[in-house]
Amino acid sequence: MSSSLTSPPLYRHDGVKITHDPYAPGVAEKYGLPGSTDSEGFDPYRDSVGPGIYSGSVKRDEDGKVVIGQQYQNHNSRPGPVYDGKGYSLMSKAISMGVETVEKVLGDYPELVNEISTGGATPLHTCGMSQKNQLSTSLIITHGGSLSALDTYGFTPLHRMASNNLSVGASALLEAGAGLDDEIWKIARQSEAKEVLEVFEKWR
């Protein structure tokens, strides 16, 4: 029996509701016990992912094309970009450092505006992974970041903003013309993404 039937809802440190049961049968066997999870993979207890799962550097073949295969920890059973074990991608690192760094990187390597990383994430998807990351959303949009790109979970960048309650990034995407559909509303409600829901209300 799942512990979610008797336990109160769980929330991340940022207040977002955890929508899976981290103590369900098989979770510890796959990902490890609390405090002993793989830092490059999924931590079900903190609801966080490392570069093996999302925004990480990927393998490329001799022609420079992204290698598609089994994803790290088989966290997503769909085939996707294969992690190369080298940590976060160049753009993902830049986004985590801030807007000025992103501007410099795109100035030197404009083709990275739609770079593909683990999980099928583009830079705009990566903007949807943290409070700081979202601050680069507008800049990446102005450089040509794709609003409608899908990661291997079928998420657009706006889906990511909704799942992580990132209102600044969500606003930037909507102002640029990103589509807001029922599924994105549903994700925001399930995550109890209150700030994002307030933004969405303005775009009804």
Protein backbone atom coordinates (compact mmCIF):
# COMPACT_ATOMS: atom_id res chain seq x y z
CA MET A 1 0.00 0.00 0.00
CA SER A 2 1.36 3.44 -0.93
CA SER A 3 2.26 5.66 1.98
CA SER A 4 0.61 8.57 0.13
CA LEU A 5 -2.77 7.20 1.25
CA THR A 6 -2.01 8.01 4.87
CA SER A 7 0.78 10.60 4.83
CA PRO A 8 0.22 14.36 4.49
CA PRO A 9 1.33 16.08 1.27
CA LEU A 10 5.07 16.63 0.87
CA TYR A 11 6.62 19.89 -0.31
CA ARG A 12 10.04 20.89 -1.60
CA HIS A 13 12.14 23.56 0.10
CA ASP A 14 10.76 26.11 -2.39
CA GLY A 15 7.16 25.31 -1.47
CA VAL A 16 6.28 23.33 -4.60
CA LYS A 17 4.18 20.25 -3.89
CA ILE A 18 5.86 16.90 -4.56
CA THR A 19 3.44 15.01 -6.80
CA HIS A 20 4.99 11.55 -6.48
CA ASP A 21 5.37 9.28 -3.44
CA PRO A 22 9.11 9.10 -2.62
CA TYR A 23 8.49 6.22 -0.23
CA ALA A 24 6.54 4.04 -2.65
CA PRO A 25 7.73 0.44 -3.13
CA GLY A 26 10.75 0.20 -5.43
CA VAL A 27 11.82 3.84 -5.18
CA ALA A 28 14.68 3.26 -2.72
CA GLU A 29 15.85 0.23 -4.70
CA LYS A 30 16.07 2.29 -7.89
CA TYR A 31 17.36 5.62 -6.60
CA GLY A 32 18.86 4.89 -3.17
CA LEU A 33 17.92 5.69 0.41
CA PRO A 34 17.60 9.28 1.69
CA GLY A 35 21.06 10.80 1.83
CA SER A 36 22.61 8.22 -0.48
CA THR A 37 21.12 9.05 -3.87
CA ASP A 38 23.19 9.64 -7.02
CA SER A 39 23.96 13.37 -7.32
CA GLU A 40 23.86 13.09 -11.11
CA GLY A 41 20.47 11.40 -11.06
CA PHE A 42 17.07 11.74 -9.42
CA ASP A 43 16.61 12.41 -5.71
CA PRO A 44 12.98 11.42 -5.06
CA TYR A 45 13.06 12.73 -1.50
CA ARG A 46 14.04 16.28 -2.48
CA ASP A 47 12.33 16.05 -5.88
CA SER A 48 15.52 17.22 -7.58
CA VAL A 49 17.49 16.04 -10.60
CA GLY A 50 21.15 16.13 -11.54
CA PRO A 51 22.79 16.53 -14.95
CA GLY A 52 22.34 12.89 -15.87
CA ILE A 53 18.60 13.46 -15.91
CA TYR A 54 18.19 17.05 -17.12
CA SER A 55 20.26 19.89 -18.62
CA GLY A 56 23.41 17.78 -18.75
CA SER A 57 26.09 17.43 -21.42
CA VAL A 58 25.29 14.78 -24.04
CA LYS A 59 27.16 12.32 -26.22
CA ARG A 60 27.55 13.09 -29.91
CA ASP A 61 28.47 10.82 -32.80
CA GLU A 62 31.30 11.37 -35.28
CA ASP A 63 29.05 13.69 -37.29
CA GLY A 64 28.27 15.82 -34.26
CA LYS A 65 24.71 14.57 -33.91
CA VAL A 66 23.24 13.93 -30.45
CA VAL A 67 23.30 10.23 -29.56
CA ILE A 68 19.82 8.94 -28.67
CA GLY A 69 19.38 5.93 -26.40
CA GLN A 70 18.47 4.86 -22.87
CA GLN A 71 18.37 7.84 -20.54
CA TYR A 72 20.26 8.03 -17.24
CA GLN A 73 18.87 5.71 -14.53
CA ASN A 74 16.15 4.90 -17.07
CA HIS A 75 14.31 7.66 -15.20
CA ASN A 76 12.34 8.34 -18.36
CA SER A 77 11.75 5.11 -20.25
CA ARG A 78 11.56 6.94 -23.58
CA PRO A 79 14.78 7.06 -25.60
CA GLY A 80 16.50 10.43 -25.34
CA PRO A 81 19.85 12.23 -25.45
CA VAL A 82 22.50 10.10 -23.75
CA TYR A 83 24.44 11.66 -20.87
CA ASP A 84 28.21 11.84 -21.42
CA GLY A 85 29.13 11.96 -17.73
CA LYS A 86 30.63 15.47 -17.91
CA GLY A 87 28.12 17.37 -15.79
CA TYR A 88 25.90 20.19 -16.95
CA SER A 89 26.02 21.47 -20.53
CA LEU A 90 27.75 24.73 -21.41
CA MET A 91 24.51 26.70 -21.68
CA SER A 92 23.10 25.14 -18.52
CA LYS A 93 26.20 26.23 -16.61
CA ALA A 94 25.91 29.73 -18.07
CA ILE A 95 22.24 30.00 -17.11
CA SER A 96 23.03 28.98 -13.54
CA MET A 97 25.66 31.74 -13.37
CA GLY A 98 23.33 34.49 -14.53
CA VAL A 99 22.22 36.74 -17.36
CA GLU A 100 25.60 38.36 -18.03
CA THR A 101 27.27 34.99 -18.52
CA VAL A 102 24.48 33.82 -20.84
CA GLU A 103 24.92 37.00 -22.91
CA LYS A 104 28.65 36.35 -23.25
CA VAL A 105 28.22 32.70 -24.22
CA LEU A 106 25.55 33.44 -26.82
CA GLY A 107 27.71 36.24 -28.19
CA ASP A 108 30.46 33.71 -28.86
CA TYR A 109 28.27 30.69 -29.66
CA PRO A 110 24.85 31.89 -30.92
CA GLU A 111 23.98 28.38 -32.10
CA LEU A 112 23.72 27.26 -28.47
CA VAL A 113 20.46 29.17 -27.99
CA ASN A 114 18.63 25.90 -28.74
CA GLU A 115 21.30 23.51 -27.46
CA ILE A 116 20.02 20.02 -26.64
CA SER A 117 20.95 18.56 -23.25
CA THR A 118 19.88 15.53 -21.21
CA GLY A 119 16.16 15.05 -20.87
CA GLY A 120 15.82 16.77 -24.24
CA ALA A 121 16.06 20.10 -22.44
CA THR A 122 16.79 23.29 -24.38
CA PRO A 123 18.11 26.41 -22.63
CA LEU A 124 14.56 27.70 -22.17
CA HIS A 125 13.62 24.43 -20.46
CA THR A 126 16.65 24.87 -18.21
CA CYS A 127 15.46 28.37 -17.35
CA GLY A 128 12.41 26.61 -15.92
CA MET A 129 14.40 24.68 -13.33
CA SER A 130 15.18 27.27 -10.64
CA GLN A 131 14.45 30.75 -9.34
CA LYS A 132 17.79 32.08 -10.62
CA ASN A 133 17.66 30.26 -13.94
CA GLN A 134 14.32 31.84 -14.87
CA LEU A 135 15.96 35.29 -14.97
CA SER A 136 17.65 34.41 -18.28
CA THR A 137 14.36 33.54 -20.00
CA SER A 138 13.77 36.88 -21.74
CA LEU A 139 17.35 37.09 -22.98
CA ILE A 140 17.26 33.62 -24.48
CA ILE A 141 13.93 34.39 -26.15
CA THR A 142 15.40 37.50 -27.80
CA HIS A 143 18.25 35.36 -29.15
CA GLY A 144 15.78 32.94 -30.76
CA GLY A 145 15.07 30.32 -28.11
CA SER A 146 12.24 28.00 -29.14
CA LEU A 147 9.03 28.54 -27.18
CA SER A 148 7.45 25.29 -28.38
CA ALA A 149 10.36 22.84 -28.13
CA LEU A 150 9.43 19.60 -26.35
CA ASP A 151 11.72 17.74 -23.98
CA THR A 152 11.59 13.95 -23.64
CA TYR A 153 8.76 14.29 -21.10
CA GLY A 154 6.61 16.13 -23.64
CA PHE A 155 7.06 19.43 -21.79
CA THR A 156 7.52 22.87 -23.34
CA PRO A 157 9.46 25.53 -21.41
CA LEU A 158 6.14 26.86 -20.09
CA HIS A 159 5.28 23.41 -18.70
CA ARG A 160 8.58 23.57 -16.78
CA MET A 161 7.81 27.02 -15.39
CA ALA A 162 4.41 25.74 -14.25
CA SER A 163 5.82 22.65 -12.55
CA ASN A 164 8.39 24.70 -10.63
CA ASN A 165 6.30 27.81 -9.83
CA LEU A 166 8.52 30.23 -11.75
CA SER A 167 6.38 33.27 -12.44
CA VAL A 168 9.05 35.52 -13.98
CA GLY A 169 9.92 32.95 -16.61
CA ALA A 170 6.27 32.09 -17.21
CA SER A 171 5.43 35.76 -17.80
CA ALA A 172 8.31 36.15 -20.26
CA LEU A 173 7.21 33.10 -22.24
CA LEU A 174 3.57 34.18 -22.38
CA GLU A 175 4.50 37.71 -23.44
CA ALA A 176 6.56 36.19 -26.25
CA GLY A 177 3.59 34.14 -27.47
CA ALA A 178 3.95 30.76 -25.76
CA GLY A 179 0.76 28.71 -25.79
CA LEU A 180 -1.13 28.17 -22.53
CA ASP A 181 -3.31 25.05 -22.59
CA ASP A 182 -5.34 22.96 -20.15
CA GLU A 183 -2.45 20.57 -19.48
CA ILE A 184 -0.19 23.41 -18.36
CA TRP A 185 -2.94 24.72 -16.06
CA LYS A 186 -3.28 21.20 -14.63
CA ILE A 187 0.44 20.91 -13.93
CA ALA A 188 0.47 24.26 -12.14
CA ARG A 189 -2.50 23.26 -9.98
CA GLN A 190 -1.02 19.86 -9.11
CA SER A 191 2.23 21.53 -8.05
CA GLU A 192 0.32 24.21 -6.14
CA ALA A 193 2.31 26.76 -8.13
CA LYS A 194 0.47 29.75 -6.71
CA GLU A 195 2.61 32.49 -8.24
CA VAL A 196 2.42 30.94 -11.70
CA LEU A 197 -1.34 30.46 -11.37
CA GLU A 198 -1.67 34.18 -10.64
CA VAL A 199 0.19 34.91 -13.88
CA PHE A 200 -1.97 32.46 -15.82
CA GLU A 201 -5.15 34.13 -14.57
CA LYS A 202 -4.06 37.31 -16.34
CA TRP A 203 -3.80 35.39 -19.61
CA ARG A 204 -7.20 33.70 -19.61
